[in-house]
Amino acid sequence: MKHIHAAALCGALFLAVGCAQQAPLNSAALSPGNLASGMPYYLPKSFLRVTFERAKLLDATIVVENRPDLSRAFVARAGYSAFSNDLYTIETTADGLLASVKVDTDEQSDEIVKAATSRVTAILSGEDAEISLRDASTDAFSIMINPFASEYRGSGKSLGNGMTLSTSYDASVLEGPTTPCPAAAAVCVPLLVPVTITIKDDKAKFEHIATVAHPRHVMGIRIDRRPCVRSIATLTFKAGMISKFDVEKPSEVAACLSIPLDVISAIIAAPVNALSGRSARLRAQKGVLEQQKALLEAQQALIDAQIAAAQSN
């Protein structure tokens, strides 16, 4: 367990003039120079596990599996404040994906507590490896694919016996320069995008929409706090994708977070890790699509709220 100390006190002068918002935690791109200054972590990279039998194509399942993207590494660091003290507890999986982040502003010193939790996702060999397992006796497939690989765009890739697998998404997804994590972000998370997966032969067609991590664009989640007010913010992740944001703020003083609570509630209510469904069950499939739509709308509202907060400061 490693601790980083930077003691700070909230003085009477600052109480008199009011407490400005501070960024108690920030993330920066990982480099040899800052490796020891905080908690290193990776953003997730999404792959799709496609499982089906030729004779039961409509019962195919698509599950999102995330593993560390070694090209997108960050380090969460303590943000020094002359006003108050913070405790940061950051947990990662054994793979280096974020598991939880907690910021408590009512501790005796500034420190980062690092912890590793159990492994939650398998690391595949090779950066963009594809694993394809086929049982010839039943014509059953289990394939792991990169949803953004060019070979699956357009007409798709042949699986043999007249079957093809293809993916489609908004063409603008991969256009333009890579978006870095904002400097004031407490933690960096990937933007989420919907991808349609289609499997078909001459008799049947299966389609599914999965929400996956964007391969290039990053969103920063900022945790602001008024240093003279006690607040606790806890972010929970599943396979590196944020799944819950809890806020505990006993004081009635102005809100410590720049993220509206209705947006937080929408994120909590929406699935953000492994989404699976069967097209044969239309009602369930409709529910999955509606939940994914809510997630993407919440993400956009979060981005808009943080832009507005930055412009007002």
C-alpha atoms as a PDB file:
ATOM      1  CA  MET A   1       0.000   0.000   0.000  1.00  0.00           C
ATOM      2  CA  LYS A   2       1.529   3.333  -0.999  1.00  0.00           C
ATOM      3  CA  HIS A   3       0.577   6.712   0.408  1.00  0.00           C
ATOM      4  CA  ILE A   4       1.217  10.197  -0.932  1.00  0.00           C
ATOM      5  CA  HIS A   5       1.112  12.939   1.701  1.00  0.00           C
ATOM      6  CA  ALA A   6       0.555  16.637   1.095  1.00  0.00           C
ATOM      7  CA  ALA A   7      -0.890  18.005   4.338  1.00  0.00           C
ATOM      8  CA  ALA A   8      -3.208  20.999   4.043  1.00  0.00           C
ATOM      9  CA  LEU A   9      -5.496  22.861   6.443  1.00  0.00           C
ATOM     10  CA  CYS A  10      -8.626  24.954   5.941  1.00  0.00           C
ATOM     11  CA  GLY A  11      -7.849  28.379   7.494  1.00  0.00           C
ATOM     12  CA  ALA A  12     -10.187  30.974   8.954  1.00  0.00           C
ATOM     13  CA  LEU A  13      -9.275  33.409   6.188  1.00  0.00           C
ATOM     14  CA  PHE A  14     -10.604  31.065   3.546  1.00  0.00           C
ATOM     15  CA  LEU A  15     -13.741  30.422   5.580  1.00  0.00           C
ATOM     16  CA  ALA A  16     -14.331  34.156   5.677  1.00  0.00           C
ATOM     17  CA  VAL A  17     -13.964  34.760   1.949  1.00  0.00           C
ATOM     18  CA  GLY A  18     -15.776  31.624   0.880  1.00  0.00           C
ATOM     19  CA  CYS A  19     -14.661  28.297  -0.507  1.00  0.00           C
ATOM     20  CA  ALA A  20     -13.878  28.140  -4.195  1.00  0.00           C
ATOM     21  CA  GLN A  21     -14.247  24.923  -6.118  1.00  0.00           C
ATOM     22  CA  GLN A  22     -11.159  22.753  -6.314  1.00  0.00           C
ATOM     23  CA  ALA A  23     -10.233  19.639  -8.284  1.00  0.00           C
ATOM     24  CA  PRO A  24      -9.125  17.212  -5.544  1.00  0.00           C
ATOM     25  CA  LEU A  25      -8.034  14.490  -7.948  1.00  0.00           C
ATOM     26  CA  ASN A  26      -6.706  14.612 -11.496  1.00  0.00           C
ATOM     27  CA  SER A  27      -5.574  12.146 -14.138  1.00  0.00           C
ATOM     28  CA  ALA A  28      -2.701  12.549 -16.573  1.00  0.00           C
ATOM     29  CA  ALA A  29      -1.245  10.418 -19.332  1.00  0.00           C
ATOM     30  CA  LEU A  30       1.073   7.851 -17.782  1.00  0.00           C
ATOM     31  CA  SER A  31       4.785   8.484 -18.293  1.00  0.00           C
ATOM     32  CA  PRO A  32       7.992   7.285 -16.582  1.00  0.00           C
ATOM     33  CA  GLY A  33       8.169  10.642 -14.802  1.00  0.00           C
ATOM     34  CA  ASN A  34       4.816  10.352 -13.018  1.00  0.00           C
ATOM     35  CA  LEU A  35       4.562   6.588 -12.570  1.00  0.00           C
ATOM     36  CA  ALA A  36       5.167   6.815  -8.802  1.00  0.00           C
ATOM     37  CA  SER A  37       3.036   9.919  -8.204  1.00  0.00           C
ATOM     38  CA  GLY A  38      -0.338   8.207  -8.135  1.00  0.00           C
ATOM     39  CA  MET A  39      -2.344   5.187  -9.235  1.00  0.00           C
ATOM     40  CA  PRO A  40      -1.743   3.950 -12.816  1.00  0.00           C
ATOM     41  CA  TYR A  41      -4.693   2.542 -14.766  1.00  0.00           C
ATOM     42  CA  TYR A  42      -5.718   1.661 -18.317  1.00  0.00           C
ATOM     43  CA  LEU A  43      -8.822   2.486 -20.292  1.00  0.00           C
ATOM     44  CA  PRO A  44     -10.784  -0.550 -21.468  1.00  0.00           C
ATOM     45  CA  LYS A  45     -10.774  -1.801 -25.034  1.00  0.00           C
ATOM     46  CA  SER A  46     -13.996  -3.510 -26.093  1.00  0.00           C
ATOM     47  CA  PHE A  47     -14.221  -6.826 -27.904  1.00  0.00           C
ATOM     48  CA  LEU A  48     -17.363  -8.752 -28.820  1.00  0.00           C
ATOM     49  CA  ARG A  49     -17.895 -12.397 -27.924  1.00  0.00           C
ATOM     50  CA  VAL A  50     -20.168 -13.832 -30.624  1.00  0.00           C
ATOM     51  CA  THR A  51     -21.644 -17.271 -29.904  1.00  0.00           C
ATOM     52  CA  PHE A  52     -24.152 -19.122 -32.077  1.00  0.00           C
ATOM     53  CA  GLU A  53     -25.106 -22.336 -33.850  1.00  0.00           C
ATOM     54  CA  ARG A  54     -25.883 -22.294 -37.550  1.00  0.00           C
ATOM     55  CA  ALA A  55     -29.187 -24.106 -37.034  1.00  0.00           C
ATOM     56  CA  LYS A  56     -30.184 -21.650 -34.256  1.00  0.00           C
ATOM     57  CA  LEU A  57     -28.912 -18.375 -35.642  1.00  0.00           C
ATOM     58  CA  LEU A  58     -31.713 -16.317 -34.082  1.00  0.00           C
ATOM     59  CA  ASP A  59     -30.565 -17.482 -30.647  1.00  0.00           C
ATOM     60  CA  ALA A  60     -27.074 -16.021 -31.099  1.00  0.00           C
ATOM     61  CA  THR A  61     -25.611 -14.071 -28.173  1.00  0.00           C
ATOM     62  CA  ILE A  62     -23.343 -11.025 -28.283  1.00  0.00           C
ATOM     63  CA  VAL A  63     -21.488 -10.031 -25.114  1.00  0.00           C
ATOM     64  CA  VAL A  64     -19.087  -7.112 -24.680  1.00  0.00           C
ATOM     65  CA  GLU A  65     -15.791  -8.091 -23.065  1.00  0.00           C
ATOM     66  CA  ASN A  66     -13.280  -5.429 -22.060  1.00  0.00           C
ATOM     67  CA  ARG A  67      -9.549  -5.762 -21.581  1.00  0.00           C
ATOM     68  CA  PRO A  68      -6.849  -3.161 -20.894  1.00  0.00           C
ATOM     69  CA  ASP A  69      -5.885  -0.901 -23.779  1.00  0.00           C
ATOM     70  CA  LEU A  70      -2.126  -0.698 -23.258  1.00  0.00           C
ATOM     71  CA  SER A  71      -1.911   2.314 -25.577  1.00  0.00           C
ATOM     72  CA  ARG A  72      -4.171   4.381 -23.280  1.00  0.00           C
ATOM     73  CA  ALA A  73      -2.584   4.495 -19.830  1.00  0.00           C
ATOM     74  CA  PHE A  74      -3.229   7.160 -17.184  1.00  0.00           C
ATOM     75  CA  VAL A  75      -2.223   7.918 -13.620  1.00  0.00           C
ATOM     76  CA  ALA A  76      -4.616   9.367 -11.012  1.00  0.00           C
ATOM     77  CA  ARG A  77      -2.795  11.932  -8.850  1.00  0.00           C
ATOM     78  CA  ALA A  78      -3.591  13.889  -5.692  1.00  0.00           C
ATOM     79  CA  GLY A  79      -4.508  17.501  -6.380  1.00  0.00           C
ATOM     80  CA  TYR A  80      -2.931  19.791  -3.784  1.00  0.00           C
ATOM     81  CA  SER A  81      -5.292  22.197  -2.023  1.00  0.00           C
ATOM     82  CA  ALA A  82      -4.467  24.904   0.517  1.00  0.00           C
ATOM     83  CA  PHE A  83      -7.986  24.712   1.892  1.00  0.00           C
ATOM     84  CA  SER A  84      -8.738  21.203   3.057  1.00  0.00           C
ATOM     85  CA  ASN A  85      -7.641  17.601   3.306  1.00  0.00           C
ATOM     86  CA  ASP A  86      -8.642  14.702   1.099  1.00  0.00           C
ATOM     87  CA  LEU A  87      -8.354  10.942   1.111  1.00  0.00           C
ATOM     88  CA  TYR A  88      -8.356   9.185  -2.261  1.00  0.00           C
ATOM     89  CA  THR A  89      -8.962   5.459  -2.416  1.00  0.00           C
ATOM     90  CA  ILE A  90      -8.406   4.031  -5.881  1.00  0.00           C
ATOM     91  CA  GLU A  91      -8.845   0.351  -6.699  1.00  0.00           C
ATOM     92  CA  THR A  92      -7.982  -1.379  -9.942  1.00  0.00           C
ATOM     93  CA  THR A  93      -8.376  -4.908 -11.190  1.00  0.00           C
ATOM     94  CA  ALA A  94      -5.322  -7.107 -11.558  1.00  0.00           C
ATOM     95  CA  ASP A  95      -5.384  -6.083 -15.235  1.00  0.00           C
ATOM     96  CA  GLY A  96      -5.084  -2.379 -14.417  1.00  0.00           C
ATOM     97  CA  LEU A  97      -8.700  -1.399 -15.192  1.00  0.00           C
ATOM     98  CA  LEU A  98     -10.434   0.931 -12.746  1.00  0.00           C
ATOM     99  CA  ALA A  99     -12.626  -0.802 -10.166  1.00  0.00           C
ATOM    100  CA  SER A 100     -13.523   2.099  -7.838  1.00  0.00           C
ATOM    101  CA  VAL A 101     -12.512   5.662  -7.011  1.00  0.00           C
ATOM    102  CA  LYS A 102     -13.450   7.365  -3.739  1.00  0.00           C
ATOM    103  CA  VAL A 103     -12.763  10.972  -2.745  1.00  0.00           C
ATOM    104  CA  ASP A 104     -13.351  11.916   0.913  1.00  0.00           C
ATOM    105  CA  THR A 105     -12.691  15.560   1.841  1.00  0.00           C
ATOM    106  CA  ASP A 106     -12.726  15.147   5.629  1.00  0.00           C
ATOM    107  CA  GLU A 107      -9.527  13.268   6.397  1.00  0.00           C
ATOM    108  CA  GLN A 108      -6.384  14.345   8.240  1.00  0.00           C
ATOM    109  CA  SER A 109      -4.040  14.429   5.262  1.00  0.00           C
ATOM    110  CA  ASP A 110      -3.970  14.225   1.491  1.00  0.00           C
ATOM    111  CA  GLU A 111      -3.048  10.720   0.415  1.00  0.00           C
ATOM    112  CA  ILE A 112      -3.688   8.166  -2.283  1.00  0.00           C
ATOM    113  CA  VAL A 113      -4.456   4.649  -1.128  1.00  0.00           C
ATOM    114  CA  LYS A 114      -3.861   2.122  -3.875  1.00  0.00           C
ATOM    115  CA  ALA A 115      -5.465  -1.282  -4.014  1.00  0.00           C
ATOM    116  CA  ALA A 116      -5.894  -4.080  -6.540  1.00  0.00           C
ATOM    117  CA  THR A 117      -9.038  -6.184  -6.748  1.00  0.00           C
ATOM    118  CA  SER A 118      -9.607  -9.564  -8.308  1.00  0.00           C
ATOM    119  CA  ARG A 119      -9.193 -10.060 -12.028  1.00  0.00           C
ATOM    120  CA  VAL A 120     -12.448  -9.450 -13.895  1.00  0.00           C
ATOM    121  CA  THR A 121     -11.542  -9.764 -17.557  1.00  0.00           C
ATOM    122  CA  ALA A 122      -9.219 -12.021 -19.513  1.00  0.00           C
ATOM    123  CA  ILE A 123      -6.260 -10.599 -21.389  1.00  0.00           C
ATOM    124  CA  LEU A 124      -6.006 -11.960 -24.896  1.00  0.00           C
ATOM    125  CA  SER A 125      -2.695 -12.645 -26.580  1.00  0.00           C
ATOM    126  CA  GLY A 126      -1.915 -10.048 -29.228  1.00  0.00           C
ATOM    127  CA  GLU A 127      -3.200  -6.475 -29.419  1.00  0.00           C
ATOM    128  CA  ASP A 128      -6.060  -7.170 -31.830  1.00  0.00           C
ATOM    129  CA  ALA A 129      -6.216 -10.940 -31.622  1.00  0.00           C
ATOM    130  CA  GLU A 130      -9.263 -12.768 -32.904  1.00  0.00           C
ATOM    131  CA  ILE A 131     -10.175 -16.070 -31.318  1.00  0.00           C
ATOM    132  CA  SER A 132     -12.425 -18.350 -33.337  1.00  0.00           C
ATOM    133  CA  LEU A 133     -13.598 -21.691 -32.025  1.00  0.00           C
ATOM    134  CA  ARG A 134     -15.845 -23.922 -34.113  1.00  0.00           C
ATOM    135  CA  ASP A 135     -17.380 -27.277 -33.316  1.00  0.00           C
ATOM    136  CA  ALA A 136     -17.656 -28.984 -36.707  1.00  0.00           C
ATOM    137  CA  SER A 137     -20.138 -31.567 -35.418  1.00  0.00           C
ATOM    138  CA  THR A 138     -22.783 -28.961 -34.522  1.00  0.00           C
ATOM    139  CA  ASP A 139     -21.629 -25.997 -36.629  1.00  0.00           C
ATOM    140  CA  ALA A 140     -21.316 -23.989 -33.409  1.00  0.00           C
ATOM    141  CA  PHE A 141     -19.210 -20.816 -33.324  1.00  0.00           C
ATOM    142  CA  SER A 142     -17.605 -18.811 -30.524  1.00  0.00           C
ATOM    143  CA  ILE A 143     -15.718 -15.831 -31.924  1.00  0.00           C
ATOM    144  CA  MET A 144     -14.031 -12.853 -30.257  1.00  0.00           C
ATOM    145  CA  ILE A 145     -13.840  -9.860 -32.603  1.00  0.00           C
ATOM    146  CA  ASN A 146     -12.683  -6.253 -32.600  1.00  0.00           C
ATOM    147  CA  PRO A 147     -15.922  -4.391 -33.500  1.00  0.00           C
ATOM    148  CA  PHE A 148     -13.966  -1.647 -35.289  1.00  0.00           C
ATOM    149  CA  ALA A 149     -11.809  -3.943 -37.453  1.00  0.00           C
ATOM    150  CA  SER A 150     -12.091  -2.998 -41.130  1.00  0.00           C
ATOM    151  CA  GLU A 151     -12.653  -6.602 -42.259  1.00  0.00           C
ATOM    152  CA  TYR A 152     -16.136  -6.584 -40.688  1.00  0.00           C
ATOM    153  CA  ARG A 153     -17.305  -3.340 -42.318  1.00  0.00           C
ATOM    154  CA  GLY A 154     -19.486  -3.296 -45.424  1.00  0.00           C
ATOM    155  CA  SER A 155     -20.431  -6.785 -46.579  1.00  0.00           C
ATOM    156  CA  GLY A 156     -18.570  -8.317 -43.654  1.00  0.00           C
ATOM    157  CA  LYS A 157     -16.374 -11.373 -43.236  1.00  0.00           C
ATOM    158  CA  SER A 158     -17.251 -14.856 -44.461  1.00  0.00           C
ATOM    159  CA  LEU A 159     -17.601 -17.550 -41.785  1.00  0.00           C
ATOM    160  CA  GLY A 160     -17.986 -20.316 -44.348  1.00  0.00           C
ATOM    161  CA  ASN A 161     -21.057 -22.196 -45.572  1.00  0.00           C
ATOM    162  CA  GLY A 162     -22.632 -18.980 -46.848  1.00  0.00           C
ATOM    163  CA  MET A 163     -22.559 -17.212 -43.455  1.00  0.00           C
ATOM    164  CA  THR A 164     -21.190 -13.690 -42.937  1.00  0.00           C
ATOM    165  CA  LEU A 165     -20.561 -11.494 -39.893  1.00  0.00           C
ATOM    166  CA  SER A 166     -20.500  -7.709 -40.220  1.00  0.00           C
ATOM    167  CA  THR A 167     -20.438  -4.631 -37.987  1.00  0.00           C
ATOM    168  CA  SER A 168     -21.708  -1.127 -38.667  1.00  0.00           C
ATOM    169  CA  TYR A 169     -21.561   2.190 -36.830  1.00  0.00           C
ATOM    170  CA  ASP A 170     -21.632   5.915 -37.552  1.00  0.00           C
ATOM    171  CA  ALA A 171     -18.768   6.592 -39.974  1.00  0.00           C
ATOM    172  CA  SER A 172     -17.855   9.757 -38.057  1.00  0.00           C
ATOM    173  CA  VAL A 173     -16.928   7.633 -35.035  1.00  0.00           C
ATOM    174  CA  LEU A 174     -13.390   7.075 -36.272  1.00  0.00           C
ATOM    175  CA  GLU A 175     -12.956  10.424 -38.018  1.00  0.00           C
ATOM    176  CA  GLY A 176     -10.923  13.366 -36.753  1.00  0.00           C
ATOM    177  CA  PRO A 177      -8.065  13.517 -34.238  1.00  0.00           C
ATOM    178  CA  THR A 178      -7.977  11.459 -31.076  1.00  0.00           C
ATOM    179  CA  THR A 179      -9.627  13.229 -28.134  1.00  0.00           C
ATOM    180  CA  PRO A 180      -7.355  13.332 -25.051  1.00  0.00           C
ATOM    181  CA  CYS A 181      -8.541  13.276 -21.461  1.00  0.00           C
ATOM    182  CA  PRO A 182      -9.210  16.833 -20.162  1.00  0.00           C
ATOM    183  CA  ALA A 183      -6.545  18.122 -17.769  1.00  0.00           C
ATOM    184  CA  ALA A 184      -8.993  18.783 -14.923  1.00  0.00           C
ATOM    185  CA  ALA A 185     -10.520  15.302 -15.009  1.00  0.00           C
ATOM    186  CA  ALA A 186     -10.406  13.205 -11.851  1.00  0.00           C
ATOM    187  CA  VAL A 187     -10.619  10.024 -13.906  1.00  0.00           C
ATOM    188  CA  CYS A 188     -10.668   9.338 -17.623  1.00  0.00           C
ATOM    189  CA  VAL A 189     -13.221   7.026 -19.224  1.00  0.00           C
ATOM    190  CA  PRO A 190     -13.849   6.130 -22.872  1.00  0.00           C
ATOM    191  CA  LEU A 191     -16.779   7.577 -24.753  1.00  0.00           C
ATOM    192  CA  LEU A 192     -19.404   4.942 -25.490  1.00  0.00           C
ATOM    193  CA  VAL A 193     -20.693   4.221 -28.982  1.00  0.00           C
ATOM    194  CA  PRO A 194     -23.353   1.826 -30.344  1.00  0.00           C
ATOM    195  CA  VAL A 195     -22.241  -0.830 -32.829  1.00  0.00           C
ATOM    196  CA  THR A 196     -24.625  -3.047 -34.817  1.00  0.00           C
ATOM    197  CA  ILE A 197     -23.551  -6.676 -35.311  1.00  0.00           C
ATOM    198  CA  THR A 198     -25.183  -8.681 -38.113  1.00  0.00           C
ATOM    199  CA  ILE A 199     -24.882 -12.428 -38.736  1.00  0.00           C
ATOM    200  CA  LYS A 200     -26.730 -13.902 -41.699  1.00  0.00           C
ATOM    201  CA  ASP A 201     -26.957 -16.758 -44.154  1.00  0.00           C
ATOM    202  CA  ASP A 202     -29.416 -17.574 -46.933  1.00  0.00           C
ATOM    203  CA  LYS A 203     -32.144 -18.506 -44.425  1.00  0.00           C
ATOM    204  CA  ALA A 204     -31.875 -16.234 -41.393  1.00  0.00           C
ATOM    205  CA  LYS A 205     -30.537 -12.906 -40.180  1.00  0.00           C
ATOM    206  CA  PHE A 206     -29.537 -11.944 -36.625  1.00  0.00           C
ATOM    207  CA  GLU A 207     -28.896  -8.349 -35.528  1.00  0.00           C
ATOM    208  CA  HIS A 208     -27.805  -6.922 -32.196  1.00  0.00           C
ATOM    209  CA  ILE A 209     -26.711  -3.481 -30.989  1.00  0.00           C
ATOM    210  CA  ALA A 210     -23.933  -3.355 -28.385  1.00  0.00           C
ATOM    211  CA  THR A 211     -22.574  -0.337 -26.526  1.00  0.00           C
ATOM    212  CA  VAL A 212     -18.776  -0.435 -26.573  1.00  0.00           C
ATOM    213  CA  ALA A 213     -15.811   1.718 -25.588  1.00  0.00           C
ATOM    214  CA  HIS A 214     -14.712   4.213 -28.223  1.00  0.00           C
ATOM    215  CA  PRO A 215     -11.218   3.249 -29.414  1.00  0.00           C
ATOM    216  CA  ARG A 216      -9.909   6.839 -29.594  1.00  0.00           C
ATOM    217  CA  HIS A 217     -12.065   9.385 -27.782  1.00  0.00           C
ATOM    218  CA  VAL A 218     -11.880   9.931 -24.023  1.00  0.00           C
ATOM    219  CA  MET A 219     -14.220  11.720 -21.624  1.00  0.00           C
ATOM    220  CA  GLY A 220     -13.047  13.134 -18.306  1.00  0.00           C
ATOM    221  CA  ILE A 221     -15.222  12.919 -15.202  1.00  0.00           C
ATOM    222  CA  ARG A 222     -14.478  15.872 -12.957  1.00  0.00           C
ATOM    223  CA  ILE A 223     -15.104  15.766  -9.224  1.00  0.00           C
ATOM    224  CA  ASP A 224     -15.276  19.292  -7.827  1.00  0.00           C
ATOM    225  CA  ARG A 225     -15.655  20.114  -4.166  1.00  0.00           C
ATOM    226  CA  ARG A 226     -15.908  23.152  -1.979  1.00  0.00           C
ATOM    227  CA  PRO A 227     -13.039  22.472   0.412  1.00  0.00           C
ATOM    228  CA  CYS A 228     -14.800  23.689   3.569  1.00  0.00           C
ATOM    229  CA  VAL A 229     -17.673  21.279   3.011  1.00  0.00           C
ATOM    230  CA  ARG A 230     -17.448  17.592   3.704  1.00  0.00           C
ATOM    231  CA  SER A 231     -18.383  15.436   0.763  1.00  0.00           C
ATOM    232  CA  ILE A 232     -17.753  11.893  -0.378  1.00  0.00           C
ATOM    233  CA  ALA A 233     -17.884  10.867  -4.023  1.00  0.00           C
ATOM    234  CA  THR A 234     -17.590   7.206  -4.988  1.00  0.00           C
ATOM    235  CA  LEU A 235     -17.317   5.967  -8.569  1.00  0.00           C
ATOM    236  CA  THR A 236     -17.821   2.264  -9.238  1.00  0.00           C
ATOM    237  CA  PHE A 237     -16.629   0.554 -12.418  1.00  0.00           C
ATOM    238  CA  LYS A 238     -17.261  -2.754 -14.148  1.00  0.00           C
ATOM    239  CA  ALA A 239     -14.411  -3.862 -16.388  1.00  0.00           C
ATOM    240  CA  GLY A 240     -13.189  -0.272 -16.574  1.00  0.00           C
ATOM    241  CA  MET A 241     -16.574   1.220 -17.556  1.00  0.00           C
ATOM    242  CA  ILE A 242     -18.319   3.465 -15.037  1.00  0.00           C
ATOM    243  CA  SER A 243     -21.434   1.818 -13.625  1.00  0.00           C
ATOM    244  CA  LYS A 244     -22.336   3.912 -10.573  1.00  0.00           C
ATOM    245  CA  PHE A 245     -21.684   7.355  -9.097  1.00  0.00           C
ATOM    246  CA  ASP A 246     -22.611   7.852  -5.429  1.00  0.00           C
ATOM    247  CA  VAL A 247     -22.567  11.283  -3.789  1.00  0.00           C
ATOM    248  CA  GLU A 248     -22.735  11.793  -0.036  1.00  0.00           C
ATOM    249  CA  LYS A 249     -22.850  15.470   0.968  1.00  0.00           C
ATOM    250  CA  PRO A 250     -24.119  16.087   4.527  1.00  0.00           C
ATOM    251  CA  SER A 251     -23.772  19.878   4.260  1.00  0.00           C
ATOM    252  CA  GLU A 252     -26.446  21.970   2.562  1.00  0.00           C
ATOM    253  CA  VAL A 253     -23.811  24.298   1.075  1.00  0.00           C
ATOM    254  CA  ALA A 254     -23.579  24.518  -2.728  1.00  0.00           C
ATOM    255  CA  ALA A 255     -23.185  21.223  -4.563  1.00  0.00           C
ATOM    256  CA  CYS A 256     -19.662  19.860  -4.784  1.00  0.00           C
ATOM    257  CA  LEU A 257     -20.136  18.185  -8.147  1.00  0.00           C
ATOM    258  CA  SER A 258     -20.488  19.809 -11.529  1.00  0.00           C
ATOM    259  CA  ILE A 259     -22.461  16.778 -12.731  1.00  0.00           C
ATOM    260  CA  PRO A 260     -26.266  17.108 -12.352  1.00  0.00           C
ATOM    261  CA  LEU A 261     -27.831  14.451 -10.158  1.00  0.00           C
ATOM    262  CA  ASP A 262     -30.361  13.536 -12.852  1.00  0.00           C
ATOM    263  CA  VAL A 263     -27.472  12.682 -15.180  1.00  0.00           C
ATOM    264  CA  ILE A 264     -25.840  10.603 -12.456  1.00  0.00           C
ATOM    265  CA  SER A 265     -29.135   8.767 -11.928  1.00  0.00           C
ATOM    266  CA  ALA A 266     -29.394   8.029 -15.646  1.00  0.00           C
ATOM    267  CA  ILE A 267     -25.884   6.588 -15.681  1.00  0.00           C
ATOM    268  CA  ILE A 268     -26.661   4.424 -12.668  1.00  0.00           C
ATOM    269  CA  ALA A 269     -29.847   3.119 -14.298  1.00  0.00           C
ATOM    270  CA  ALA A 270     -28.239   2.248 -17.630  1.00  0.00           C
ATOM    271  CA  PRO A 271     -26.148  -0.850 -18.393  1.00  0.00           C
ATOM    272  CA  VAL A 272     -22.538   0.058 -19.183  1.00  0.00           C
ATOM    273  CA  ASN A 273     -20.547  -3.149 -19.361  1.00  0.00           C
ATOM    274  CA  ALA A 274     -21.765  -6.414 -20.883  1.00  0.00           C
ATOM    275  CA  LEU A 275     -24.979  -6.080 -22.839  1.00  0.00           C
ATOM    276  CA  SER A 276     -26.404  -9.244 -24.323  1.00  0.00           C
ATOM    277  CA  GLY A 277     -29.744 -10.151 -25.807  1.00  0.00           C
ATOM    278  CA  ARG A 278     -31.494 -12.543 -28.141  1.00  0.00           C
ATOM    279  CA  SER A 279     -33.233 -11.130 -31.180  1.00  0.00           C
ATOM    280  CA  ALA A 280     -35.838 -13.902 -30.919  1.00  0.00           C
ATOM    281  CA  ARG A 281     -37.069 -12.275 -27.716  1.00  0.00           C
ATOM    282  CA  LEU A 282     -38.269  -9.004 -29.175  1.00  0.00           C
ATOM    283  CA  ARG A 283     -39.559  -7.543 -25.949  1.00  0.00           C
ATOM    284  CA  ALA A 284     -36.267  -8.088 -24.138  1.00  0.00           C
ATOM    285  CA  GLN A 285     -34.337  -6.794 -27.131  1.00  0.00           C
ATOM    286  CA  LYS A 286     -36.449  -3.632 -27.187  1.00  0.00           C
ATOM    287  CA  GLY A 287     -35.664  -3.093 -23.505  1.00  0.00           C
ATOM    288  CA  VAL A 288     -31.944  -3.418 -24.127  1.00  0.00           C
ATOM    289  CA  LEU A 289     -32.072  -0.874 -26.947  1.00  0.00           C
ATOM    290  CA  GLU A 290     -34.049   1.597 -24.824  1.00  0.00           C
ATOM    291  CA  GLN A 291     -31.545   1.268 -21.976  1.00  0.00           C
ATOM    292  CA  GLN A 292     -28.615   1.827 -24.307  1.00  0.00           C
ATOM    293  CA  LYS A 293     -30.337   4.923 -25.707  1.00  0.00           C
ATOM    294  CA  ALA A 294     -30.733   6.243 -22.146  1.00  0.00           C
ATOM    295  CA  LEU A 295     -27.053   5.609 -21.486  1.00  0.00           C
ATOM    296  CA  LEU A 296     -25.914   7.507 -24.583  1.00  0.00           C
ATOM    297  CA  GLU A 297     -28.260  10.402 -23.776  1.00  0.00           C
ATOM    298  CA  ALA A 298     -26.893  10.519 -20.219  1.00  0.00           C
ATOM    299  CA  GLN A 299     -23.363  10.571 -21.574  1.00  0.00           C
ATOM    300  CA  GLN A 300     -24.157  13.559 -23.810  1.00  0.00           C
ATOM    301  CA  ALA A 301     -25.862  15.382 -20.932  1.00  0.00           C
ATOM    302  CA  LEU A 302     -22.781  14.753 -18.797  1.00  0.00           C
ATOM    303  CA  ILE A 303     -20.512  16.233 -21.480  1.00  0.00           C
ATOM    304  CA  ASP A 304     -22.783  19.288 -21.884  1.00  0.00           C
ATOM    305  CA  ALA A 305     -22.933  19.831 -18.105  1.00  0.00           C
ATOM    306  CA  GLN A 306     -19.174  19.732 -17.720  1.00  0.00           C
ATOM    307  CA  ILE A 307     -18.670  22.158 -20.630  1.00  0.00           C
ATOM    308  CA  ALA A 308     -21.185  24.558 -19.075  1.00  0.00           C
ATOM    309  CA  ALA A 309     -19.494  24.286 -15.667  1.00  0.00           C
ATOM    310  CA  ALA A 310     -16.079  25.019 -17.189  1.00  0.00           C
ATOM    311  CA  GLN A 311     -17.399  28.089 -19.030  1.00  0.00           C
ATOM    312  CA  SER A 312     -19.014  29.496 -15.872  1.00  0.00           C
ATOM    313  CA  ASN A 313     -15.824  29.244 -13.773  1.00  0.00           C
END
